[in-house]
Protein backbone atom coordinates (compact mmCIF):
# COMPACT_ATOMS: atom_id res chain seq x y z
CA MET A 1 8.09 -122.75 120.35
CA SER A 2 5.01 -120.40 120.22
CA LYS A 3 2.49 -120.98 117.61
CA PHE A 4 2.75 -116.79 116.66
CA ALA A 5 6.55 -117.53 116.27
CA VAL A 6 7.76 -116.38 112.88
CA PRO A 7 11.19 -118.18 111.79
CA LEU A 8 14.40 -115.81 111.98
CA GLY A 9 14.54 -115.76 108.30
CA VAL A 10 11.16 -114.61 107.60
CA SER A 11 11.17 -112.40 110.66
CA THR A 12 14.26 -110.50 108.67
CA TRP A 13 12.81 -110.10 105.22
CA LEU A 14 9.63 -108.43 107.34
CA LEU A 15 11.96 -106.07 109.18
CA CYS A 16 14.21 -105.00 106.43
CA GLY A 17 11.10 -104.64 103.90
CA CYS A 18 12.92 -106.26 101.05
CA VAL A 19 10.13 -106.71 97.98
CA THR A 20 10.87 -108.67 95.00
CA GLN A 21 11.24 -106.42 91.84
CA ALA A 22 9.16 -107.28 88.66
CA PRO A 23 11.69 -106.93 85.59
CA PRO A 24 11.09 -103.94 84.01
CA ALA A 25 8.47 -103.93 80.90
CA PRO A 26 10.05 -104.16 77.29
CA PRO A 27 10.61 -100.87 75.33
CA PRO A 28 7.38 -100.11 73.44
CA PRO A 29 7.46 -100.89 70.00
CA PRO A 30 8.68 -97.99 67.57
CA PRO A 31 5.73 -95.86 65.98
CA PRO A 32 4.58 -97.12 62.21
CA PRO A 33 6.27 -94.69 59.58
CA VAL A 34 4.23 -91.58 58.59
CA SER A 35 3.42 -91.54 54.60
CA THR A 36 3.76 -89.01 53.11
CA ARG A 37 0.87 -89.74 50.51
CA THR A 38 -2.00 -87.10 51.61
CA SER A 39 -4.59 -89.75 50.09
CA THR A 40 -6.09 -92.51 52.59
CA SER A 41 -7.31 -94.79 49.65
CA THR A 42 -4.51 -96.31 47.12
CA PRO A 43 -5.04 -94.70 43.51
CA PRO A 44 -5.28 -97.39 40.55
CA ALA A 45 -1.54 -98.29 39.94
CA GLY A 46 -1.41 -96.92 35.97
CA VAL A 47 -2.97 -93.14 37.03
CA PHE A 48 -0.38 -93.55 39.89
CA TRP A 49 2.58 -94.33 37.81
CA PHE A 50 1.11 -91.91 34.56
CA ARG A 51 0.85 -88.93 36.86
CA ASP A 52 3.85 -89.40 39.65
CA SER A 53 6.65 -91.41 38.38
CA ALA A 54 9.87 -89.88 36.94
CA GLU A 55 10.21 -93.26 34.45
CA ARG A 56 6.93 -91.70 32.40
CA LYS A 57 8.62 -87.96 31.59
CA ALA A 58 11.76 -89.90 30.70
CA ILE A 59 10.08 -92.07 28.07
CA TYR A 60 7.98 -89.35 27.06
CA ILE A 61 10.89 -86.78 26.46
CA GLU A 62 12.88 -89.81 24.79
CA THR A 63 10.73 -91.25 22.37
CA TYR A 64 9.58 -87.58 20.92
CA ARG A 65 13.41 -87.40 21.16
CA ALA A 66 13.96 -90.04 18.93
CA ALA A 67 10.46 -89.45 16.50
CA GLY A 68 12.43 -85.74 15.89
CA ALA A 69 15.80 -87.68 14.79
CA ALA A 70 13.73 -89.89 12.46
CA ALA A 71 11.59 -87.24 11.52
CA ARG A 72 15.19 -85.42 10.07
CA SER A 73 16.25 -88.40 8.64
CA LEU A 74 12.90 -89.39 6.38
CA SER A 75 12.57 -85.55 5.34
CA ALA A 76 16.07 -84.87 4.18
CA GLY A 77 15.60 -83.99 0.46
CA LEU A 78 11.69 -83.68 0.44
CA ALA A 79 9.76 -80.68 -0.66
CA PRO A 80 8.75 -78.42 2.20
CA ARG A 81 5.23 -79.04 3.05
CA SER A 82 5.06 -82.20 0.61
CA TRP A 83 4.95 -84.86 4.02
CA ALA A 84 3.43 -84.97 7.32
CA VAL A 85 3.39 -86.43 10.47
CA ILE A 86 0.38 -87.95 12.37
CA LEU A 87 -0.23 -87.52 15.87
CA ASP A 88 -2.97 -88.92 18.32
CA ILE A 89 -3.90 -86.38 20.90
CA ASP A 90 -4.74 -87.94 23.83
CA GLU A 91 -1.95 -89.31 26.33
CA THR A 92 0.19 -88.43 22.96
CA VAL A 93 -0.11 -84.80 23.30
CA LEU A 94 -2.95 -83.80 26.12
CA ASP A 95 -2.46 -85.52 29.78
CA ASN A 96 -5.64 -86.39 30.98
CA SER A 97 -4.78 -88.17 33.72
CA ASP A 98 -6.38 -85.56 35.80
CA TYR A 99 -9.81 -86.76 34.53
CA GLU A 100 -8.66 -90.18 35.12
CA LYS A 101 -8.11 -89.28 38.80
CA SER A 102 -11.24 -87.66 39.23
CA VAL A 103 -13.58 -90.93 37.82
CA GLY A 104 -10.94 -93.70 39.05
CA GLY A 105 -11.32 -95.51 36.14
CA GLY A 106 -15.09 -94.72 35.34
CA TYR A 107 -15.22 -93.31 31.96
CA LYS A 108 -18.34 -92.17 31.25
CA ASP A 109 -19.43 -89.55 28.30
CA ASP A 110 -21.18 -87.12 30.55
CA SER A 111 -17.95 -86.72 32.62
CA TRP A 112 -15.82 -86.86 29.99
CA ASN A 113 -17.36 -83.86 27.82
CA ALA A 114 -17.74 -81.98 30.89
CA TRP A 115 -13.98 -82.65 31.50
CA THR A 116 -12.96 -81.61 27.68
CA GLN A 117 -15.27 -78.39 28.21
CA GLN A 118 -12.63 -77.43 30.87
CA ARG A 119 -10.16 -77.17 28.24
CA SER A 120 -7.58 -77.42 30.99
CA ALA A 121 -5.29 -80.84 29.87
CA PRO A 122 -1.62 -79.91 30.02
CA ARG A 123 0.71 -80.93 27.40
CA LEU A 124 2.95 -83.87 27.90
CA PRO A 125 6.59 -83.59 27.85
CA GLY A 126 8.47 -83.53 24.37
CA SER A 127 5.52 -82.85 22.46
CA LYS A 128 5.83 -79.18 21.99
CA GLU A 129 9.26 -79.11 21.10
CA PHE A 130 8.92 -82.30 18.55
CA ILE A 131 5.98 -80.36 17.06
CA ASP A 132 7.88 -77.43 16.83
CA LEU A 133 11.08 -79.16 15.18
CA VAL A 134 8.73 -80.41 12.63
CA LEU A 135 6.84 -76.93 11.60
CA ASP A 136 9.96 -74.55 11.89
CA GLU A 137 12.84 -76.52 10.95
CA LEU A 138 11.91 -79.56 8.91
CA HIS A 139 9.10 -77.54 7.37
CA GLY A 140 6.68 -80.41 7.12
CA GLU A 141 2.71 -80.61 8.22
CA VAL A 142 1.46 -81.45 11.60
CA VAL A 143 -1.89 -83.49 11.54
CA LEU A 144 -3.77 -84.45 14.65
CA ILE A 145 -6.20 -87.45 14.27
CA THR A 146 -8.02 -87.64 17.38
CA ASN A 147 -11.12 -90.16 18.52
CA ARG A 148 -12.73 -87.35 20.24
CA LYS A 149 -15.98 -86.97 18.92
CA GLN A 150 -16.87 -84.13 16.82
CA GLN A 151 -19.17 -82.33 19.37
CA VAL A 152 -15.82 -81.55 21.80
CA CYS A 153 -13.51 -80.43 18.73
CA ASP A 154 -13.75 -76.65 19.26
CA ASP A 155 -12.73 -77.11 23.11
CA THR A 156 -10.32 -79.69 21.84
CA GLU A 157 -8.71 -76.64 20.06
CA ILE A 158 -8.93 -74.35 22.43
CA ASN A 159 -7.08 -76.50 25.00
CA LEU A 160 -4.36 -77.18 22.55
CA ARG A 161 -3.58 -73.52 21.47
CA SER A 162 -3.88 -73.12 25.63
CA GLN A 163 -0.58 -75.29 25.65
CA GLN A 164 0.88 -73.66 22.60
CA ILE A 165 0.64 -77.02 20.80
CA ARG A 166 0.46 -76.03 17.20
CA TYR A 167 -0.74 -78.02 13.87
CA ASP A 168 -1.80 -78.09 10.40
CA ARG A 169 -5.08 -80.01 11.02
CA ILE A 170 -7.27 -81.70 13.31
CA LEU A 171 -9.47 -84.44 12.46
CA CYS A 172 -12.04 -85.56 15.46
CA ASP A 173 -14.23 -88.40 15.08
CA ARG A 174 -17.67 -87.75 13.29
CA THR A 175 -18.50 -91.07 12.66
CA GLY A 176 -18.06 -92.60 16.34
CA ASP A 177 -16.74 -95.80 14.91
CA GLN A 178 -13.24 -95.02 16.67
CA ASP A 179 -11.54 -96.26 13.27
CA LYS A 180 -8.79 -93.65 12.23
CA ASN A 181 -7.49 -95.87 9.15
CA ALA A 182 -10.09 -94.10 6.70
CA ARG A 183 -8.84 -90.44 8.08
CA PHE A 184 -5.34 -92.01 7.74
CA ARG A 185 -6.02 -92.27 4.30
CA GLN A 186 -7.80 -88.63 3.67
CA VAL A 187 -4.29 -86.75 4.91
CA GLN A 188 -2.31 -89.61 2.15
CA GLN A 189 -5.16 -89.05 -0.73
CA GLY A 190 -5.83 -85.56 0.35
CA THR A 191 -9.05 -84.13 0.15
CA PRO A 192 -9.98 -82.03 -3.45
CA GLY A 193 -10.42 -78.08 -2.23
CA VAL A 194 -9.47 -78.76 0.99
CA ALA A 195 -6.02 -80.24 1.45
CA PRO A 196 -3.47 -81.72 -1.00
CA PRO A 197 -2.32 -85.24 -0.28
CA LEU A 198 0.74 -85.44 1.82
CA ASN A 199 3.91 -88.10 2.04
CA VAL A 200 2.71 -89.42 5.89
CA LEU A 201 6.42 -89.95 7.31
CA LEU A 202 5.54 -91.11 10.63
CA TRP A 203 2.66 -91.86 13.24
CA MET A 204 2.68 -90.98 17.05
CA GLY A 205 0.16 -92.75 19.63
CA ASP A 206 -0.38 -94.30 22.72
CA ASN A 207 -2.60 -96.86 21.31
CA ILE A 208 -1.81 -99.73 18.56
CA ARG A 209 -5.07 -98.20 17.10
CA ASP A 210 -3.38 -94.80 16.52
CA PHE A 211 -1.10 -96.65 13.61
CA PRO A 212 -2.52 -97.89 10.05
CA ALA A 213 -4.38 -101.10 10.16
CA LEU A 214 -2.59 -102.26 13.52
CA SER A 215 -4.89 -103.84 16.38
CA GLN A 216 -4.29 -105.82 19.40
CA SER A 217 -4.26 -108.95 17.64
CA ASP A 218 -2.22 -107.47 14.67
CA SER A 219 0.58 -105.36 15.60
CA GLY A 220 2.29 -105.20 12.21
CA ASP A 221 6.04 -105.25 11.28
CA PRO A 222 7.99 -105.18 13.90
CA GLY A 223 10.75 -103.02 11.87
CA ALA A 224 8.15 -99.96 11.84
CA PHE A 225 8.62 -99.28 15.53
CA GLY A 226 11.12 -96.97 16.16
CA VAL A 227 11.50 -96.01 12.38
CA ARG A 228 7.73 -94.71 11.43
CA TYR A 229 6.21 -95.70 14.45
CA PHE A 230 6.61 -94.36 17.74
CA VAL A 231 4.53 -95.71 20.90
CA LEU A 232 4.08 -93.95 24.06
CA PRO A 233 2.77 -95.56 27.44
CA ASN A 234 -0.52 -95.38 28.58
CA PRO A 235 -1.07 -97.67 31.36
CA MET A 236 -4.54 -96.07 32.57
CA TYR A 237 -6.91 -97.34 29.75
CA GLY A 238 -6.48 -98.26 26.00
CA SER A 239 -7.63 -101.34 23.48
CA TRP A 240 -5.57 -103.39 25.39
CA MET A 241 -8.00 -103.72 28.31
CA ALA A 242 -10.03 -106.42 26.37
CA ASN A 243 -7.47 -108.55 25.93
CA PRO A 244 -7.32 -111.84 28.02
CA TYR A 245 -5.47 -111.94 31.13
CA HIS A 246 -3.02 -114.50 31.46
């Protein structure tokens, strides 16, 4: 055989042009799901929950309805305008989550004062209906006690009126000590020549310090909650932030 001869099997393979095919490539992986959120950063969980959860709206409506039922029961037989309810403002009546979103948890007096000057905080679900019930049907008084400083009180009142929130008195923080207890007593004991003493039937707020003599270390009588004290959720900020984390 010539050294240039090709074996029969190989020649046949060459003549027919047969080529072994590589296995097909696997299909490409599916694209990742498209996010429906427009922001590329993750917002603080508390702000996200407060602004966008269905649960927050439901809890506010539920709590205000329960408070209305309690006010109806507690005020039965009392003389008109002899009694009152006390409400906090921020995250109880007015929603400041736009501010919290804008600063990302970085509260500062200057940015907060600028926010209050906008007078644009919307009212929270259930607040107007509860206040209207107390004023128009049950004939009690509504007192708003807030730790907003006195210098922003005028802007606060304009904001409240724009949201159709009515009240008999508003007591802002004149001393800067963030302690509401003296103002609670002022409502209960009255101010000569200004306001008569009132029987305060219930309190509403988003901070444990919105209730008489209570604090993070002393939450008082559990039997008062849901009867005279009604707490609304605020996962964005509050006195709870100074607690040790377990």
